[in-house]
Amino acid sequence: MSDQLTFAMENRERILAVENSFGPSGKSLLEPGRILVGEGRLMKLCRRRPQPKVFFLFNDILVYGSIVMAGRWNKNQHIVRLEEVQQEDLEDSVDMSNQWLIKTPRKSFYVGAASAEEKQAWMEHIENCRSQQLQRLGLPANAPAIKDFAATWIPDNASAICMRCSERFSMAHRRHHCRRCGFIVCNSCSKARAVLRHISSKPVRVCMLCKVNLECQERLQRQMKNQGRNQPGKDWKTRSSDNIPEYETSSEEDTDESVENNSPTQWFNSQDNCSPYCYFNPDHVKPPRF
């Protein structure tokens, strides 16, 4: 009993420390039954280049943000429900090593760890927490809780021309991203707007090809509804709106950050609910304090 009480107090202190690190702009993280499983720094592939981000894994959510002062202050808090996460293992690329893809309804992105061992640890911990969360929610563990994931944005440096009209980009001819396919497109090819309910309830930028495809899908859905081929109960728009995530208030790309301190990943073994908070990777050494 005393060990469980000590664990509960220490877990509360850790969660409050994470919550306070994001300042008043961050959302509250302290909830009954929530456990901080691990924390560390990963590289996240952003529009221009990989940037260091701080990640906090809880037993029900994944929190990440930009680093202002390593180990003390963070900003641009993002919260993702683990039941909405799907991971995809990837080979090393020119931009990042030890990388994998994290897909969510609102935003999908590449992340990279400092080593292959750390990458495997992150992926395994995320998947274990996700499976346990699905069980708690009474959802099937062998299938994603949702079917619509946000497209992964192609980095800006991957193309010097619009991927629709092939016009070369310049200071006056700027790059944009289609929110549906993730392609790099110019303003002329992405003037259309559409509601992608798994991303936002408001219209977002889409390229002309995706706009045409979406209109075709809507016509097909209307025809099926008129012919009585759709399933009884809620229509497709209502079902899609149920998947709008409560968290992740912004889909804008994070600004560049400059961070000097590479803090090690820390893991918390919560299997018996009273284990000490420790470093998962013994090769990582805690930076000294001066």
C-alpha atoms as a PDB file:
ATOM      1  CA  MET A   1       0.000   0.000   0.000  1.00  0.00           C
ATOM      2  CA  SER A   2       2.798   2.422   0.882  1.00  0.00           C
ATOM      3  CA  ASP A   3       4.598   1.631  -2.396  1.00  0.00           C
ATOM      4  CA  GLN A   4       1.437   2.356  -4.387  1.00  0.00           C
ATOM      5  CA  LEU A   5       0.915   5.615  -2.514  1.00  0.00           C
ATOM      6  CA  THR A   6       4.516   6.636  -3.165  1.00  0.00           C
ATOM      7  CA  PHE A   7       4.139   5.789  -6.850  1.00  0.00           C
ATOM      8  CA  ALA A   8       0.918   7.812  -7.115  1.00  0.00           C
ATOM      9  CA  MET A   9       2.555  10.857  -5.548  1.00  0.00           C
ATOM     10  CA  GLU A  10       5.667  10.634  -7.725  1.00  0.00           C
ATOM     11  CA  ASN A  11       3.576  10.100 -10.868  1.00  0.00           C
ATOM     12  CA  ARG A  12       1.477  13.150 -10.008  1.00  0.00           C
ATOM     13  CA  GLU A  13       4.597  15.269  -9.551  1.00  0.00           C
ATOM     14  CA  ARG A  14       6.004  14.141 -12.908  1.00  0.00           C
ATOM     15  CA  ILE A  15       2.782  14.890 -14.773  1.00  0.00           C
ATOM     16  CA  LEU A  16       2.508  18.320 -13.163  1.00  0.00           C
ATOM     17  CA  ALA A  17       6.130  19.026 -14.137  1.00  0.00           C
ATOM     18  CA  VAL A  18       5.348  18.140 -17.772  1.00  0.00           C
ATOM     19  CA  GLU A  19       2.189  20.244 -17.659  1.00  0.00           C
ATOM     20  CA  ASN A  20       4.023  23.246 -16.203  1.00  0.00           C
ATOM     21  CA  SER A  21       6.813  22.985 -18.765  1.00  0.00           C
ATOM     22  CA  PHE A  22       4.357  24.122 -21.462  1.00  0.00           C
ATOM     23  CA  GLY A  23       3.265  27.164 -19.466  1.00  0.00           C
ATOM     24  CA  PRO A  24      -0.234  28.642 -19.458  1.00  0.00           C
ATOM     25  CA  SER A  25      -0.749  27.911 -23.154  1.00  0.00           C
ATOM     26  CA  GLY A  26      -0.615  24.135 -22.582  1.00  0.00           C
ATOM     27  CA  LYS A  27      -3.585  21.930 -21.784  1.00  0.00           C
ATOM     28  CA  SER A  28      -4.067  20.269 -18.412  1.00  0.00           C
ATOM     29  CA  LEU A  29      -2.535  16.769 -18.333  1.00  0.00           C
ATOM     30  CA  LEU A  30      -3.409  15.579 -14.845  1.00  0.00           C
ATOM     31  CA  GLU A  31      -6.298  13.092 -15.028  1.00  0.00           C
ATOM     32  CA  PRO A  32      -7.328  10.094 -12.883  1.00  0.00           C
ATOM     33  CA  GLY A  33      -5.591   6.908 -13.983  1.00  0.00           C
ATOM     34  CA  ARG A  34      -3.072   8.663 -16.229  1.00  0.00           C
ATOM     35  CA  ILE A  35       0.545   7.492 -15.914  1.00  0.00           C
ATOM     36  CA  LEU A  36       3.680   9.040 -17.394  1.00  0.00           C
ATOM     37  CA  VAL A  37       5.468   6.124 -19.053  1.00  0.00           C
ATOM     38  CA  GLY A  38       8.465   7.782 -20.677  1.00  0.00           C
ATOM     39  CA  GLU A  39       9.970  10.988 -21.993  1.00  0.00           C
ATOM     40  CA  GLY A  40      12.785  11.999 -24.289  1.00  0.00           C
ATOM     41  CA  ARG A  41      13.905  13.942 -27.318  1.00  0.00           C
ATOM     42  CA  LEU A  42      13.268  12.803 -30.881  1.00  0.00           C
ATOM     43  CA  MET A  43      13.980  14.426 -34.224  1.00  0.00           C
ATOM     44  CA  LYS A  44      10.818  15.365 -36.122  1.00  0.00           C
ATOM     45  CA  LEU A  45      10.941  15.948 -39.867  1.00  0.00           C
ATOM     46  CA  CYS A  46       9.365  19.356 -40.451  1.00  0.00           C
ATOM     47  CA  ARG A  47       8.808  21.277 -43.660  1.00  0.00           C
ATOM     48  CA  ARG A  48      12.386  22.500 -44.069  1.00  0.00           C
ATOM     49  CA  ARG A  49      14.525  20.100 -42.064  1.00  0.00           C
ATOM     50  CA  PRO A  50      14.492  17.751 -39.046  1.00  0.00           C
ATOM     51  CA  GLN A  51      14.063  19.546 -35.729  1.00  0.00           C
ATOM     52  CA  PRO A  52      14.433  18.301 -32.130  1.00  0.00           C
ATOM     53  CA  LYS A  53      11.138  17.912 -30.276  1.00  0.00           C
ATOM     54  CA  VAL A  54      10.336  16.741 -26.770  1.00  0.00           C
ATOM     55  CA  PHE A  55       8.000  13.746 -26.483  1.00  0.00           C
ATOM     56  CA  PHE A  56       6.106  12.498 -23.432  1.00  0.00           C
ATOM     57  CA  LEU A  57       4.427   9.096 -23.555  1.00  0.00           C
ATOM     58  CA  PHE A  58       1.523   8.494 -21.181  1.00  0.00           C
ATOM     59  CA  ASN A  59      -0.564   5.357 -20.870  1.00  0.00           C
ATOM     60  CA  ASP A  60      -3.374   6.980 -22.908  1.00  0.00           C
ATOM     61  CA  ILE A  61      -1.893   9.916 -24.851  1.00  0.00           C
ATOM     62  CA  LEU A  62       1.280  11.056 -26.622  1.00  0.00           C
ATOM     63  CA  VAL A  63       2.367  14.644 -25.989  1.00  0.00           C
ATOM     64  CA  TYR A  64       5.025  16.490 -27.969  1.00  0.00           C
ATOM     65  CA  GLY A  65       6.182  20.043 -28.466  1.00  0.00           C
ATOM     66  CA  SER A  66       8.992  22.418 -29.341  1.00  0.00           C
ATOM     67  CA  ILE A  67      11.927  22.830 -26.964  1.00  0.00           C
ATOM     68  CA  VAL A  68      12.599  26.303 -25.601  1.00  0.00           C
ATOM     69  CA  MET A  69      15.035  25.334 -22.826  1.00  0.00           C
ATOM     70  CA  ALA A  70      15.919  21.669 -22.627  1.00  0.00           C
ATOM     71  CA  GLY A  71      14.480  20.020 -19.540  1.00  0.00           C
ATOM     72  CA  ARG A  72      12.668  23.175 -18.406  1.00  0.00           C
ATOM     73  CA  TRP A  73      10.485  24.989 -20.926  1.00  0.00           C
ATOM     74  CA  ASN A  74       8.553  23.808 -23.975  1.00  0.00           C
ATOM     75  CA  LYS A  75       5.929  25.287 -26.289  1.00  0.00           C
ATOM     76  CA  ASN A  76       3.488  24.362 -29.079  1.00  0.00           C
ATOM     77  CA  GLN A  77       1.958  21.500 -27.118  1.00  0.00           C
ATOM     78  CA  HIS A  78       0.326  18.753 -29.177  1.00  0.00           C
ATOM     79  CA  ILE A  79      -1.726  15.948 -27.642  1.00  0.00           C
ATOM     80  CA  VAL A  80      -2.643  12.776 -29.536  1.00  0.00           C
ATOM     81  CA  ARG A  81      -4.899  10.015 -28.271  1.00  0.00           C
ATOM     82  CA  LEU A  82      -3.081   6.704 -28.453  1.00  0.00           C
ATOM     83  CA  GLU A  83      -6.146   4.881 -29.787  1.00  0.00           C
ATOM     84  CA  GLU A  84      -5.858   7.137 -32.850  1.00  0.00           C
ATOM     85  CA  VAL A  85      -2.166   6.387 -33.490  1.00  0.00           C
ATOM     86  CA  GLN A  86      -0.718   4.046 -36.074  1.00  0.00           C
ATOM     87  CA  GLN A  87       3.033   3.488 -36.498  1.00  0.00           C
ATOM     88  CA  GLU A  88       4.962   2.439 -39.586  1.00  0.00           C
ATOM     89  CA  ASP A  89       8.571   1.277 -39.479  1.00  0.00           C
ATOM     90  CA  LEU A  90      10.851   2.855 -42.082  1.00  0.00           C
ATOM     91  CA  GLU A  91      14.381   2.539 -43.384  1.00  0.00           C
ATOM     92  CA  ASP A  92      16.914   5.316 -42.839  1.00  0.00           C
ATOM     93  CA  SER A  93      16.702   8.267 -45.213  1.00  0.00           C
ATOM     94  CA  VAL A  94      19.046  11.061 -46.253  1.00  0.00           C
ATOM     95  CA  ASP A  95      17.381  13.429 -43.790  1.00  0.00           C
ATOM     96  CA  MET A  96      17.044  11.146 -40.761  1.00  0.00           C
ATOM     97  CA  SER A  97      18.290   7.840 -39.408  1.00  0.00           C
ATOM     98  CA  ASN A  98      16.415   5.451 -37.100  1.00  0.00           C
ATOM     99  CA  GLN A  99      13.149   6.899 -38.331  1.00  0.00           C
ATOM    100  CA  TRP A 100       9.543   5.773 -38.358  1.00  0.00           C
ATOM    101  CA  LEU A 101       6.168   7.253 -39.232  1.00  0.00           C
ATOM    102  CA  ILE A 102       3.531   8.244 -36.680  1.00  0.00           C
ATOM    103  CA  LYS A 103       0.100   8.596 -38.270  1.00  0.00           C
ATOM    104  CA  THR A 104      -2.796  10.396 -36.584  1.00  0.00           C
ATOM    105  CA  PRO A 105      -6.106  11.765 -37.882  1.00  0.00           C
ATOM    106  CA  ARG A 106      -5.021  15.389 -37.694  1.00  0.00           C
ATOM    107  CA  LYS A 107      -1.327  15.165 -38.510  1.00  0.00           C
ATOM    108  CA  SER A 108       1.106  12.463 -39.646  1.00  0.00           C
ATOM    109  CA  PHE A 109       4.852  12.949 -39.321  1.00  0.00           C
ATOM    110  CA  TYR A 110       8.267  11.271 -39.389  1.00  0.00           C
ATOM    111  CA  VAL A 111      10.371  10.985 -36.249  1.00  0.00           C
ATOM    112  CA  GLY A 112      13.890   9.697 -35.677  1.00  0.00           C
ATOM    113  CA  ALA A 113      15.716   8.428 -32.594  1.00  0.00           C
ATOM    114  CA  ALA A 114      19.383   8.669 -31.588  1.00  0.00           C
ATOM    115  CA  SER A 115      19.902   4.927 -32.024  1.00  0.00           C
ATOM    116  CA  ALA A 116      18.185   1.840 -33.380  1.00  0.00           C
ATOM    117  CA  GLU A 117      17.696   0.573 -29.828  1.00  0.00           C
ATOM    118  CA  GLU A 118      15.964   3.763 -28.756  1.00  0.00           C
ATOM    119  CA  LYS A 119      13.766   3.695 -31.846  1.00  0.00           C
ATOM    120  CA  GLN A 120      12.689   0.129 -31.065  1.00  0.00           C
ATOM    121  CA  ALA A 121      12.007   1.056 -27.449  1.00  0.00           C
ATOM    122  CA  TRP A 122       9.825   4.016 -28.432  1.00  0.00           C
ATOM    123  CA  MET A 123       7.848   2.013 -30.963  1.00  0.00           C
ATOM    124  CA  GLU A 124       7.297  -0.873 -28.580  1.00  0.00           C
ATOM    125  CA  HIS A 125       6.251   1.343 -25.674  1.00  0.00           C
ATOM    126  CA  ILE A 126       3.851   3.325 -27.857  1.00  0.00           C
ATOM    127  CA  GLU A 127       2.295   0.167 -29.272  1.00  0.00           C
ATOM    128  CA  ASN A 128       1.972  -1.476 -25.837  1.00  0.00           C
ATOM    129  CA  CYS A 129       0.294   1.603 -24.371  1.00  0.00           C
ATOM    130  CA  ARG A 130      -1.952   1.872 -27.402  1.00  0.00           C
ATOM    131  CA  SER A 131      -3.034  -1.792 -27.143  1.00  0.00           C
ATOM    132  CA  GLN A 132      -3.794  -1.416 -23.447  1.00  0.00           C
ATOM    133  CA  GLN A 133      -5.761   1.767 -24.102  1.00  0.00           C
ATOM    134  CA  LEU A 134      -7.826   0.043 -26.797  1.00  0.00           C
ATOM    135  CA  GLN A 135      -8.628  -2.734 -24.330  1.00  0.00           C
ATOM    136  CA  ARG A 136      -9.722  -0.208 -21.715  1.00  0.00           C
ATOM    137  CA  LEU A 137     -12.008   1.410 -24.284  1.00  0.00           C
ATOM    138  CA  GLY A 138     -13.413  -1.935 -25.421  1.00  0.00           C
ATOM    139  CA  LEU A 139     -12.029  -1.517 -28.955  1.00  0.00           C
ATOM    140  CA  PRO A 140     -10.391  -4.257 -31.056  1.00  0.00           C
ATOM    141  CA  ALA A 141      -6.651  -4.403 -30.472  1.00  0.00           C
ATOM    142  CA  ASN A 142      -5.816  -5.783 -33.940  1.00  0.00           C
ATOM    143  CA  ALA A 143      -7.257  -2.873 -35.918  1.00  0.00           C
ATOM    144  CA  PRO A 144      -6.945   0.918 -35.821  1.00  0.00           C
ATOM    145  CA  ALA A 145      -9.758   2.712 -34.025  1.00  0.00           C
ATOM    146  CA  ILE A 146     -10.139   4.997 -37.050  1.00  0.00           C
ATOM    147  CA  LYS A 147      -9.557   4.637 -40.762  1.00  0.00           C
ATOM    148  CA  ASP A 148      -8.747   8.211 -41.834  1.00  0.00           C
ATOM    149  CA  PHE A 149      -5.205   9.423 -41.215  1.00  0.00           C
ATOM    150  CA  ALA A 150      -3.752  12.747 -42.235  1.00  0.00           C
ATOM    151  CA  ALA A 151      -1.434  12.697 -45.237  1.00  0.00           C
ATOM    152  CA  THR A 152       2.273  13.064 -44.538  1.00  0.00           C
ATOM    153  CA  TRP A 153       3.585  16.353 -45.918  1.00  0.00           C
ATOM    154  CA  ILE A 154       6.429  16.062 -48.407  1.00  0.00           C
ATOM    155  CA  PRO A 155       9.360  18.245 -47.197  1.00  0.00           C
ATOM    156  CA  ASP A 156       9.887  21.537 -49.005  1.00  0.00           C
ATOM    157  CA  ASN A 157      13.362  20.601 -50.230  1.00  0.00           C
ATOM    158  CA  ALA A 158      12.046  17.463 -51.950  1.00  0.00           C
ATOM    159  CA  SER A 159      10.824  19.390 -54.981  1.00  0.00           C
ATOM    160  CA  ALA A 160      11.822  22.627 -56.713  1.00  0.00           C
ATOM    161  CA  ILE A 161       8.682  22.598 -58.862  1.00  0.00           C
ATOM    162  CA  CYS A 162       4.953  22.328 -58.257  1.00  0.00           C
ATOM    163  CA  MET A 163       4.015  18.653 -58.173  1.00  0.00           C
ATOM    164  CA  ARG A 164       0.842  19.377 -60.168  1.00  0.00           C
ATOM    165  CA  CYS A 165       1.698  21.963 -62.856  1.00  0.00           C
ATOM    166  CA  SER A 166       5.550  21.640 -62.765  1.00  0.00           C
ATOM    167  CA  GLU A 167       6.055  25.408 -62.451  1.00  0.00           C
ATOM    168  CA  ARG A 168       9.296  26.272 -60.651  1.00  0.00           C
ATOM    169  CA  PHE A 169       9.036  27.772 -57.183  1.00  0.00           C
ATOM    170  CA  SER A 170      10.508  31.195 -56.403  1.00  0.00           C
ATOM    171  CA  MET A 171      10.147  34.013 -53.896  1.00  0.00           C
ATOM    172  CA  ALA A 172       6.948  35.084 -55.657  1.00  0.00           C
ATOM    173  CA  HIS A 173       5.836  31.535 -56.513  1.00  0.00           C
ATOM    174  CA  ARG A 174       5.693  29.993 -53.059  1.00  0.00           C
ATOM    175  CA  ARG A 175       5.279  26.437 -51.851  1.00  0.00           C
ATOM    176  CA  HIS A 176       2.069  25.158 -50.279  1.00  0.00           C
ATOM    177  CA  HIS A 177       0.875  21.731 -49.161  1.00  0.00           C
ATOM    178  CA  CYS A 178      -2.320  19.952 -50.060  1.00  0.00           C
ATOM    179  CA  ARG A 179      -3.834  18.715 -46.804  1.00  0.00           C
ATOM    180  CA  ARG A 180      -5.316  15.648 -48.478  1.00  0.00           C
ATOM    181  CA  CYS A 181      -2.386  14.217 -50.472  1.00  0.00           C
ATOM    182  CA  GLY A 182       0.545  16.060 -48.840  1.00  0.00           C
ATOM    183  CA  PHE A 183       1.997  17.142 -52.220  1.00  0.00           C
ATOM    184  CA  ILE A 184       3.996  20.366 -52.622  1.00  0.00           C
ATOM    185  CA  VAL A 185       1.914  22.647 -54.843  1.00  0.00           C
ATOM    186  CA  CYS A 186       1.765  26.267 -55.902  1.00  0.00           C
ATOM    187  CA  ASN A 187      -0.988  28.688 -54.965  1.00  0.00           C
ATOM    188  CA  SER A 188      -2.642  28.438 -58.376  1.00  0.00           C
ATOM    189  CA  CYS A 189      -2.946  24.659 -58.041  1.00  0.00           C
ATOM    190  CA  SER A 190      -4.228  24.790 -54.444  1.00  0.00           C
ATOM    191  CA  LYS A 191      -6.841  27.526 -54.421  1.00  0.00           C
ATOM    192  CA  ALA A 192      -9.574  25.005 -53.637  1.00  0.00           C
ATOM    193  CA  ARG A 193     -10.792  24.434 -50.098  1.00  0.00           C
ATOM    194  CA  ALA A 194     -12.529  21.384 -48.669  1.00  0.00           C
ATOM    195  CA  VAL A 195     -13.643  20.085 -45.287  1.00  0.00           C
ATOM    196  CA  LEU A 196     -11.562  17.059 -44.263  1.00  0.00           C
ATOM    197  CA  ARG A 197     -13.394  16.107 -41.107  1.00  0.00           C
ATOM    198  CA  HIS A 198     -10.592  13.984 -39.657  1.00  0.00           C
ATOM    199  CA  ILE A 199      -8.347  17.084 -39.832  1.00  0.00           C
ATOM    200  CA  SER A 200     -10.598  20.079 -39.227  1.00  0.00           C
ATOM    201  CA  SER A 201     -14.243  21.113 -39.179  1.00  0.00           C
ATOM    202  CA  LYS A 202     -13.235  24.159 -41.271  1.00  0.00           C
ATOM    203  CA  PRO A 203     -12.255  24.122 -44.962  1.00  0.00           C
ATOM    204  CA  VAL A 204      -8.537  23.514 -45.557  1.00  0.00           C
ATOM    205  CA  ARG A 205      -6.255  23.908 -48.577  1.00  0.00           C
ATOM    206  CA  VAL A 206      -6.414  21.099 -51.141  1.00  0.00           C
ATOM    207  CA  CYS A 207      -5.013  20.772 -54.639  1.00  0.00           C
ATOM    208  CA  MET A 208      -7.331  20.808 -57.642  1.00  0.00           C
ATOM    209  CA  LEU A 209      -6.956  17.076 -58.294  1.00  0.00           C
ATOM    210  CA  CYS A 210      -7.934  16.192 -54.720  1.00  0.00           C
ATOM    211  CA  LYS A 211     -10.852  18.629 -54.935  1.00  0.00           C
ATOM    212  CA  VAL A 212     -12.148  16.837 -58.046  1.00  0.00           C
ATOM    213  CA  ASN A 213     -11.724  13.450 -56.368  1.00  0.00           C
ATOM    214  CA  LEU A 214     -13.561  14.637 -53.268  1.00  0.00           C
ATOM    215  CA  GLU A 215     -16.448  15.961 -55.367  1.00  0.00           C
ATOM    216  CA  CYS A 216     -16.657  12.617 -57.171  1.00  0.00           C
ATOM    217  CA  GLN A 217     -16.779  10.798 -53.838  1.00  0.00           C
ATOM    218  CA  GLU A 218     -19.540  13.100 -52.603  1.00  0.00           C
ATOM    219  CA  ARG A 219     -21.610  12.482 -55.732  1.00  0.00           C
ATOM    220  CA  LEU A 220     -21.123   8.733 -55.333  1.00  0.00           C
ATOM    221  CA  GLN A 221     -22.158   8.911 -51.687  1.00  0.00           C
ATOM    222  CA  ARG A 222     -25.306  10.847 -52.594  1.00  0.00           C
ATOM    223  CA  GLN A 223     -26.178   8.310 -55.284  1.00  0.00           C
ATOM    224  CA  MET A 224     -25.708   5.411 -52.869  1.00  0.00           C
ATOM    225  CA  LYS A 225     -27.851   7.173 -50.298  1.00  0.00           C
ATOM    226  CA  ASN A 226     -30.614   7.830 -52.814  1.00  0.00           C
ATOM    227  CA  GLN A 227     -30.519   4.213 -53.940  1.00  0.00           C
ATOM    228  CA  GLY A 228     -30.731   2.968 -50.383  1.00  0.00           C
ATOM    229  CA  ARG A 229     -27.375   1.170 -50.500  1.00  0.00           C
ATOM    230  CA  ASN A 230     -25.876   2.839 -47.481  1.00  0.00           C
ATOM    231  CA  GLN A 231     -25.980   1.206 -44.080  1.00  0.00           C
ATOM    232  CA  PRO A 232     -28.890   2.081 -41.756  1.00  0.00           C
ATOM    233  CA  GLY A 233     -28.350   4.559 -38.955  1.00  0.00           C
ATOM    234  CA  LYS A 234     -26.070   7.564 -39.202  1.00  0.00           C
ATOM    235  CA  ASP A 235     -25.065   8.738 -42.653  1.00  0.00           C
ATOM    236  CA  TRP A 236     -21.445   8.974 -43.752  1.00  0.00           C
ATOM    237  CA  LYS A 237     -21.053  12.628 -42.801  1.00  0.00           C
ATOM    238  CA  THR A 238     -22.252  12.004 -39.274  1.00  0.00           C
ATOM    239  CA  ARG A 239     -20.002   8.981 -38.878  1.00  0.00           C
ATOM    240  CA  SER A 240     -17.001  10.952 -40.148  1.00  0.00           C
ATOM    241  CA  SER A 241     -17.680  13.810 -37.763  1.00  0.00           C
ATOM    242  CA  ASP A 242     -17.433  11.422 -34.833  1.00  0.00           C
ATOM    243  CA  ASN A 243     -13.752  10.965 -35.662  1.00  0.00           C
ATOM    244  CA  ILE A 244     -12.847  14.635 -35.237  1.00  0.00           C
ATOM    245  CA  PRO A 245     -10.143  14.579 -32.520  1.00  0.00           C
ATOM    246  CA  GLU A 246     -10.666  16.672 -29.430  1.00  0.00           C
ATOM    247  CA  TYR A 247      -6.982  17.433 -29.068  1.00  0.00           C
ATOM    248  CA  GLU A 248      -4.394  19.017 -31.393  1.00  0.00           C
ATOM    249  CA  THR A 249      -5.726  22.561 -31.650  1.00  0.00           C
ATOM    250  CA  SER A 250      -3.316  23.606 -34.406  1.00  0.00           C
ATOM    251  CA  SER A 251      -1.995  21.962 -37.545  1.00  0.00           C
ATOM    252  CA  GLU A 252       0.508  24.695 -38.370  1.00  0.00           C
ATOM    253  CA  GLU A 253       4.135  23.702 -38.769  1.00  0.00           C
ATOM    254  CA  ASP A 254       6.325  24.381 -35.765  1.00  0.00           C
ATOM    255  CA  THR A 255       8.971  27.087 -36.033  1.00  0.00           C
ATOM    256  CA  ASP A 256      12.682  26.273 -36.032  1.00  0.00           C
ATOM    257  CA  GLU A 257      14.245  25.670 -32.668  1.00  0.00           C
ATOM    258  CA  SER A 258      17.869  25.735 -31.496  1.00  0.00           C
ATOM    259  CA  VAL A 259      18.631  23.239 -28.743  1.00  0.00           C
ATOM    260  CA  GLU A 260      22.033  22.346 -27.374  1.00  0.00           C
ATOM    261  CA  ASN A 261      21.222  19.808 -24.671  1.00  0.00           C
ATOM    262  CA  ASN A 262      20.407  16.298 -25.891  1.00  0.00           C
ATOM    263  CA  SER A 263      18.661  14.813 -22.875  1.00  0.00           C
ATOM    264  CA  PRO A 264      18.382  11.022 -22.696  1.00  0.00           C
ATOM    265  CA  THR A 265      15.123   9.177 -22.983  1.00  0.00           C
ATOM    266  CA  GLN A 266      13.674   8.135 -19.643  1.00  0.00           C
ATOM    267  CA  TRP A 267      11.204   5.301 -19.201  1.00  0.00           C
ATOM    268  CA  PHE A 268       8.913   4.384 -16.389  1.00  0.00           C
ATOM    269  CA  ASN A 269       7.968   0.750 -15.865  1.00  0.00           C
ATOM    270  CA  SER A 270       4.338   0.858 -14.775  1.00  0.00           C
ATOM    271  CA  GLN A 271       3.577  -2.869 -14.899  1.00  0.00           C
ATOM    272  CA  ASP A 272       3.391  -3.203 -11.142  1.00  0.00           C
ATOM    273  CA  ASN A 273       2.407   0.467 -10.583  1.00  0.00           C
ATOM    274  CA  CYS A 274       5.173   0.957  -8.033  1.00  0.00           C
ATOM    275  CA  SER A 275       8.465   0.724  -9.932  1.00  0.00           C
ATOM    276  CA  PRO A 276      11.092   3.480  -9.792  1.00  0.00           C
ATOM    277  CA  TYR A 277      11.425   6.040 -12.571  1.00  0.00           C
ATOM    278  CA  CYS A 278      14.631   5.218 -14.436  1.00  0.00           C
ATOM    279  CA  TYR A 279      16.578   5.494 -17.683  1.00  0.00           C
ATOM    280  CA  PHE A 280      15.557   2.824 -20.133  1.00  0.00           C
ATOM    281  CA  ASN A 281      18.756   2.856 -22.159  1.00  0.00           C
ATOM    282  CA  PRO A 282      21.787   2.268 -19.892  1.00  0.00           C
ATOM    283  CA  ASP A 283      24.086   3.809 -22.542  1.00  0.00           C
ATOM    284  CA  HIS A 284      22.451   7.159 -21.944  1.00  0.00           C
ATOM    285  CA  VAL A 285      24.109   9.150 -19.191  1.00  0.00           C
ATOM    286  CA  LYS A 286      22.269  11.877 -17.354  1.00  0.00           C
ATOM    287  CA  PRO A 287      23.855  15.289 -18.119  1.00  0.00           C
ATOM    288  CA  PRO A 288      25.630  16.681 -15.058  1.00  0.00           C
ATOM    289  CA  ARG A 289      24.226  19.687 -13.257  1.00  0.00           C
ATOM    290  CA  PHE A 290      26.507  22.642 -12.653  1.00  0.00           C
END
